[in-house]
Amino acid sequence: MKQTMKKIVQTGYGLGLLSFAEAKKVVRRVQKDLNLDDDESIKLAQELVKNSEKASKRVLGTATEFFESALVKSGIASKGEVKTAKKVFTKRADKVKTAVRERVKKGLHQFRKKR
């Protein structure tokens, strides 16, 4: 039982993009070993997803830092240009998220603009 839990913990970064459905599958595999009831297994699955989101954010944050640093050090872009690009991409990503949410709410599953 301890070995199974250690394996799950050790694969933390591998679970970085773990969805709740995938977490439930992992928990079902170890449910007998851990003698968990259904409520406890759901809580474990939720905790795995929560931890995987944290790990994913840390990894993406570190990767972003290294990428930005490499851009500046190589002379491809200045710090100001990197900062401006981040703002532009963030605004555009927010616009896309908003548009997708609105279309889903309206029941439109086509993501192309009508001409």
N, C-alpha and C. Protein backbone atom coordinates (compact mmCIF):
# COMPACT_ATOMS: atom_id res chain seq x y z
N MET A 1 0.82 -1.18 0.00
CA MET A 1 0.00 0.00 0.00
C MET A 1 0.87 1.26 0.00
N LYS A 2 1.88 1.31 0.87
CA LYS A 2 2.77 2.46 0.91
C LYS A 2 3.51 2.62 -0.40
N GLN A 3 3.92 1.49 -0.98
CA GLN A 3 4.64 1.54 -2.25
C GLN A 3 3.77 2.14 -3.34
N THR A 4 2.51 1.78 -3.36
CA THR A 4 1.58 2.30 -4.36
C THR A 4 1.44 3.81 -4.20
N MET A 5 1.28 4.27 -2.98
CA MET A 5 1.15 5.71 -2.73
C MET A 5 2.44 6.44 -3.09
N LYS A 6 3.59 5.86 -2.80
CA LYS A 6 4.85 6.49 -3.16
C LYS A 6 4.96 6.66 -4.67
N LYS A 7 4.53 5.62 -5.42
CA LYS A 7 4.56 5.72 -6.87
C LYS A 7 3.68 6.85 -7.36
N ILE A 8 2.50 7.00 -6.75
CA ILE A 8 1.59 8.08 -7.16
C ILE A 8 2.23 9.44 -6.88
N VAL A 9 2.81 9.60 -5.69
CA VAL A 9 3.43 10.86 -5.32
C VAL A 9 4.63 11.16 -6.21
N GLN A 10 5.42 10.14 -6.52
CA GLN A 10 6.61 10.33 -7.33
C GLN A 10 6.27 10.73 -8.76
N THR A 11 5.09 10.40 -9.22
CA THR A 11 4.72 10.77 -10.58
C THR A 11 3.98 12.11 -10.61
N GLY A 12 4.14 12.90 -9.56
CA GLY A 12 3.44 14.18 -9.44
C GLY A 12 3.52 15.07 -10.66
N TYR A 13 4.72 15.25 -11.20
CA TYR A 13 4.85 16.10 -12.37
C TYR A 13 4.27 15.43 -13.60
N GLY A 14 4.31 14.13 -13.64
CA GLY A 14 3.68 13.41 -14.75
C GLY A 14 2.18 13.55 -14.73
N LEU A 15 1.64 13.83 -13.57
CA LEU A 15 0.20 14.03 -13.44
C LEU A 15 -0.17 15.50 -13.61
N GLY A 16 0.75 16.29 -14.12
CA GLY A 16 0.56 17.73 -14.24
C GLY A 16 -0.69 18.16 -14.95
N LEU A 17 -1.13 17.39 -15.89
CA LEU A 17 -2.33 17.75 -16.64
C LEU A 17 -3.47 16.78 -16.34
N LEU A 18 -3.47 16.26 -15.16
CA LEU A 18 -4.44 15.26 -14.76
C LEU A 18 -5.84 15.86 -14.64
N SER A 19 -6.78 15.25 -15.32
CA SER A 19 -8.16 15.68 -15.19
C SER A 19 -8.82 14.89 -14.07
N PHE A 20 -10.00 15.32 -13.66
CA PHE A 20 -10.70 14.62 -12.59
C PHE A 20 -11.05 13.20 -13.00
N ALA A 21 -11.45 13.01 -14.24
CA ALA A 21 -11.79 11.66 -14.73
C ALA A 21 -10.57 10.74 -14.68
N GLU A 22 -9.41 11.27 -15.08
CA GLU A 22 -8.19 10.48 -15.04
C GLU A 22 -7.79 10.18 -13.59
N ALA A 23 -7.99 11.15 -12.71
CA ALA A 23 -7.67 10.94 -11.30
C ALA A 23 -8.55 9.85 -10.70
N LYS A 24 -9.81 9.83 -11.10
CA LYS A 24 -10.72 8.79 -10.60
C LYS A 24 -10.24 7.40 -11.04
N LYS A 25 -9.71 7.32 -12.27
CA LYS A 25 -9.19 6.03 -12.75
C LYS A 25 -8.00 5.58 -11.90
N VAL A 26 -7.11 6.52 -11.60
CA VAL A 26 -5.94 6.20 -10.77
C VAL A 26 -6.38 5.74 -9.39
N VAL A 27 -7.34 6.45 -8.83
CA VAL A 27 -7.81 6.12 -7.49
C VAL A 27 -8.50 4.76 -7.47
N ARG A 28 -9.26 4.44 -8.51
CA ARG A 28 -9.92 3.13 -8.57
C ARG A 28 -8.90 2.00 -8.52
N ARG A 29 -7.75 2.23 -9.15
CA ARG A 29 -6.71 1.20 -9.17
C ARG A 29 -6.15 0.93 -7.79
N VAL A 30 -6.07 1.95 -6.95
CA VAL A 30 -5.47 1.78 -5.63
C VAL A 30 -6.50 1.72 -4.51
N GLN A 31 -7.77 1.80 -4.85
CA GLN A 31 -8.83 1.85 -3.84
C GLN A 31 -8.81 0.61 -2.94
N LYS A 32 -8.64 -0.56 -3.51
CA LYS A 32 -8.62 -1.79 -2.70
C LYS A 32 -7.40 -1.82 -1.78
N ASP A 33 -6.24 -1.44 -2.33
CA ASP A 33 -5.01 -1.46 -1.53
C ASP A 33 -5.12 -0.53 -0.32
N LEU A 34 -5.79 0.60 -0.51
CA LEU A 34 -5.88 1.60 0.55
C LEU A 34 -7.13 1.44 1.42
N ASN A 35 -7.99 0.49 1.06
CA ASN A 35 -9.25 0.27 1.78
C ASN A 35 -10.06 1.56 1.90
N LEU A 36 -10.27 2.23 0.77
CA LEU A 36 -11.02 3.49 0.75
C LEU A 36 -12.47 3.24 0.36
N ASP A 37 -13.37 4.01 1.00
CA ASP A 37 -14.76 3.95 0.55
C ASP A 37 -14.92 4.97 -0.60
N ASP A 38 -16.11 5.07 -1.14
CA ASP A 38 -16.31 5.93 -2.31
C ASP A 38 -16.05 7.40 -2.02
N ASP A 39 -16.50 7.89 -0.85
CA ASP A 39 -16.28 9.29 -0.50
C ASP A 39 -14.80 9.61 -0.37
N GLU A 40 -14.07 8.72 0.29
CA GLU A 40 -12.63 8.93 0.46
C GLU A 40 -11.90 8.88 -0.88
N SER A 41 -12.33 8.00 -1.77
CA SER A 41 -11.67 7.91 -3.07
C SER A 41 -11.93 9.15 -3.91
N ILE A 42 -13.13 9.72 -3.79
CA ILE A 42 -13.42 10.97 -4.52
C ILE A 42 -12.57 12.11 -3.96
N LYS A 43 -12.43 12.17 -2.64
CA LYS A 43 -11.59 13.20 -2.03
C LYS A 43 -10.14 13.06 -2.48
N LEU A 44 -9.66 11.81 -2.56
CA LEU A 44 -8.29 11.57 -3.02
C LEU A 44 -8.13 12.01 -4.47
N ALA A 45 -9.11 11.71 -5.30
CA ALA A 45 -9.05 12.12 -6.71
C ALA A 45 -9.02 13.64 -6.82
N GLN A 46 -9.85 14.32 -6.04
CA GLN A 46 -9.86 15.78 -6.06
C GLN A 46 -8.53 16.35 -5.60
N GLU A 47 -7.95 15.74 -4.60
CA GLU A 47 -6.65 16.19 -4.09
C GLU A 47 -5.55 15.97 -5.13
N LEU A 48 -5.61 14.84 -5.84
CA LEU A 48 -4.62 14.60 -6.90
C LEU A 48 -4.72 15.65 -7.99
N VAL A 49 -5.94 15.99 -8.38
CA VAL A 49 -6.14 17.02 -9.42
C VAL A 49 -5.62 18.36 -8.93
N LYS A 50 -5.93 18.70 -7.69
CA LYS A 50 -5.48 19.97 -7.11
C LYS A 50 -3.95 20.04 -7.10
N ASN A 51 -3.32 18.96 -6.65
CA ASN A 51 -1.85 18.93 -6.61
C ASN A 51 -1.25 18.96 -8.01
N SER A 52 -1.89 18.29 -8.96
CA SER A 52 -1.36 18.27 -10.31
C SER A 52 -1.46 19.66 -10.94
N GLU A 53 -2.52 20.41 -10.61
CA GLU A 53 -2.64 21.77 -11.12
C GLU A 53 -1.52 22.66 -10.57
N LYS A 54 -1.23 22.50 -9.29
CA LYS A 54 -0.14 23.27 -8.67
C LYS A 54 1.19 22.94 -9.34
N ALA A 55 1.44 21.66 -9.53
CA ALA A 55 2.70 21.23 -10.16
C ALA A 55 2.79 21.77 -11.59
N SER A 56 1.69 21.71 -12.31
CA SER A 56 1.66 22.19 -13.68
C SER A 56 1.97 23.69 -13.73
N LYS A 57 1.38 24.45 -12.82
CA LYS A 57 1.63 25.90 -12.79
C LYS A 57 3.10 26.19 -12.47
N ARG A 58 3.68 25.43 -11.55
CA ARG A 58 5.10 25.63 -11.22
C ARG A 58 5.98 25.34 -12.42
N VAL A 59 5.70 24.24 -13.10
CA VAL A 59 6.51 23.86 -14.25
C VAL A 59 6.37 24.90 -15.36
N LEU A 60 5.15 25.32 -15.65
CA LEU A 60 4.95 26.32 -16.70
C LEU A 60 5.58 27.65 -16.32
N GLY A 61 5.52 28.03 -15.05
CA GLY A 61 6.14 29.27 -14.60
C GLY A 61 7.65 29.23 -14.77
N THR A 62 8.25 28.13 -14.40
CA THR A 62 9.70 27.98 -14.56
C THR A 62 10.10 27.99 -16.03
N ALA A 63 9.34 27.28 -16.85
CA ALA A 63 9.63 27.24 -18.29
C ALA A 63 9.50 28.64 -18.90
N THR A 64 8.49 29.37 -18.48
CA THR A 64 8.29 30.73 -18.99
C THR A 64 9.46 31.63 -18.61
N GLU A 65 9.90 31.53 -17.37
CA GLU A 65 11.04 32.33 -16.92
C GLU A 65 12.28 32.05 -17.77
N PHE A 66 12.58 30.77 -17.98
CA PHE A 66 13.76 30.41 -18.77
C PHE A 66 13.62 30.87 -20.21
N PHE A 67 12.44 30.75 -20.77
CA PHE A 67 12.21 31.17 -22.14
C PHE A 67 12.41 32.68 -22.29
N GLU A 68 11.80 33.44 -21.38
CA GLU A 68 11.94 34.90 -21.43
C GLU A 68 13.40 35.31 -21.24
N SER A 69 14.08 34.66 -20.31
CA SER A 69 15.49 34.96 -20.07
C SER A 69 16.33 34.66 -21.31
N ALA A 70 16.03 33.55 -21.97
CA ALA A 70 16.77 33.19 -23.18
C ALA A 70 16.53 34.20 -24.29
N LEU A 71 15.29 34.68 -24.43
CA LEU A 71 15.00 35.69 -25.44
C LEU A 71 15.81 36.97 -25.21
N VAL A 72 15.85 37.40 -23.96
CA VAL A 72 16.56 38.64 -23.63
C VAL A 72 18.07 38.46 -23.78
N LYS A 73 18.61 37.36 -23.25
CA LYS A 73 20.05 37.13 -23.30
C LYS A 73 20.56 36.94 -24.72
N SER A 74 19.74 36.35 -25.58
CA SER A 74 20.18 36.12 -26.96
C SER A 74 20.05 37.37 -27.81
N GLY A 75 19.38 38.38 -27.28
CA GLY A 75 19.24 39.62 -28.03
C GLY A 75 18.06 39.62 -28.98
N ILE A 76 17.25 38.60 -28.95
CA ILE A 76 16.09 38.54 -29.84
C ILE A 76 15.06 39.59 -29.45
N ALA A 77 14.90 39.81 -28.15
CA ALA A 77 13.93 40.79 -27.66
C ALA A 77 14.44 41.42 -26.38
N SER A 78 13.99 42.65 -26.14
CA SER A 78 14.35 43.31 -24.88
C SER A 78 13.32 42.93 -23.82
N LYS A 79 13.62 43.29 -22.57
CA LYS A 79 12.68 43.00 -21.50
C LYS A 79 11.34 43.69 -21.75
N GLY A 80 11.40 44.90 -22.25
CA GLY A 80 10.18 45.65 -22.54
C GLY A 80 9.34 44.99 -23.63
N GLU A 81 10.02 44.49 -24.66
CA GLU A 81 9.30 43.80 -25.74
C GLU A 81 8.65 42.51 -25.24
N VAL A 82 9.35 41.80 -24.39
CA VAL A 82 8.79 40.57 -23.82
C VAL A 82 7.56 40.90 -22.98
N LYS A 83 7.67 41.94 -22.18
CA LYS A 83 6.56 42.36 -21.33
C LYS A 83 5.35 42.77 -22.17
N THR A 84 5.59 43.53 -23.24
CA THR A 84 4.51 43.96 -24.13
C THR A 84 3.87 42.76 -24.82
N ALA A 85 4.69 41.82 -25.28
CA ALA A 85 4.16 40.63 -25.95
C ALA A 85 3.29 39.82 -25.00
N LYS A 86 3.72 39.69 -23.75
CA LYS A 86 2.92 38.96 -22.77
C LYS A 86 1.55 39.61 -22.57
N LYS A 87 1.54 40.95 -22.50
CA LYS A 87 0.27 41.66 -22.32
C LYS A 87 -0.65 41.42 -23.51
N VAL A 88 -0.10 41.51 -24.71
CA VAL A 88 -0.90 41.33 -25.92
C VAL A 88 -1.47 39.92 -25.98
N PHE A 89 -0.62 38.93 -25.74
CA PHE A 89 -1.08 37.54 -25.78
C PHE A 89 -2.12 37.25 -24.69
N THR A 90 -1.91 37.83 -23.52
CA THR A 90 -2.86 37.62 -22.43
C THR A 90 -4.23 38.21 -22.79
N LYS A 91 -4.23 39.42 -23.35
CA LYS A 91 -5.50 40.05 -23.75
C LYS A 91 -6.20 39.23 -24.83
N ARG A 92 -5.44 38.77 -25.80
CA ARG A 92 -6.05 37.99 -26.88
C ARG A 92 -6.56 36.65 -26.37
N ALA A 93 -5.84 36.02 -25.48
CA ALA A 93 -6.29 34.75 -24.91
C ALA A 93 -7.58 34.96 -24.12
N ASP A 94 -7.66 36.06 -23.38
CA ASP A 94 -8.88 36.36 -22.63
C ASP A 94 -10.07 36.58 -23.57
N LYS A 95 -9.82 37.27 -24.68
CA LYS A 95 -10.89 37.49 -25.66
C LYS A 95 -11.39 36.17 -26.25
N VAL A 96 -10.46 35.29 -26.56
CA VAL A 96 -10.83 33.99 -27.12
C VAL A 96 -11.62 33.18 -26.09
N LYS A 97 -11.17 33.15 -24.85
CA LYS A 97 -11.88 32.42 -23.79
C LYS A 97 -13.30 32.96 -23.64
N THR A 98 -13.43 34.28 -23.63
CA THR A 98 -14.75 34.89 -23.49
C THR A 98 -15.64 34.53 -24.66
N ALA A 99 -15.10 34.60 -25.87
CA ALA A 99 -15.89 34.28 -27.06
C ALA A 99 -16.34 32.82 -27.05
N VAL A 100 -15.45 31.94 -26.66
CA VAL A 100 -15.80 30.51 -26.60
C VAL A 100 -16.88 30.27 -25.56
N ARG A 101 -16.73 30.87 -24.40
CA ARG A 101 -17.74 30.71 -23.35
C ARG A 101 -19.11 31.20 -23.81
N GLU A 102 -19.14 32.35 -24.48
CA GLU A 102 -20.41 32.91 -24.97
C GLU A 102 -21.04 31.99 -26.01
N ARG A 103 -20.23 31.47 -26.90
CA ARG A 103 -20.78 30.59 -27.93
C ARG A 103 -21.29 29.29 -27.34
N VAL A 104 -20.59 28.77 -26.34
CA VAL A 104 -21.04 27.54 -25.69
C VAL A 104 -22.36 27.80 -24.95
N LYS A 105 -22.45 28.94 -24.29
CA LYS A 105 -23.69 29.28 -23.60
C LYS A 105 -24.86 29.38 -24.57
N LYS A 106 -24.61 29.92 -25.75
CA LYS A 106 -25.66 30.07 -26.75
C LYS A 106 -25.96 28.76 -27.46
N GLY A 107 -25.13 27.77 -27.21
CA GLY A 107 -25.34 26.47 -27.85
C GLY A 107 -24.67 26.36 -29.19
N LEU A 108 -23.84 27.30 -29.52
CA LEU A 108 -23.12 27.26 -30.79
C LEU A 108 -21.82 26.51 -30.58
N HIS A 109 -21.71 25.38 -31.20
CA HIS A 109 -20.49 24.58 -31.03
C HIS A 109 -19.54 24.77 -32.20
N GLN A 110 -19.90 25.65 -33.10
CA GLN A 110 -18.99 25.96 -34.20
C GLN A 110 -18.17 27.16 -33.78
N PHE A 111 -16.87 27.05 -33.90
CA PHE A 111 -15.99 28.11 -33.45
C PHE A 111 -15.53 29.01 -34.58
N ARG A 112 -16.03 28.78 -35.77
CA ARG A 112 -15.68 29.65 -36.89
C ARG A 112 -16.61 30.84 -36.91
N LYS A 113 -16.08 31.97 -37.37
CA LYS A 113 -16.92 33.15 -37.55
C LYS A 113 -17.82 32.94 -38.75
N LYS A 114 -19.04 33.40 -38.63
CA LYS A 114 -19.95 33.34 -39.77
C LYS A 114 -19.61 34.46 -40.73
N ARG A 115 -19.66 34.15 -42.00
CA ARG A 115 -19.32 35.17 -43.00
C ARG A 115 -20.54 35.66 -43.71
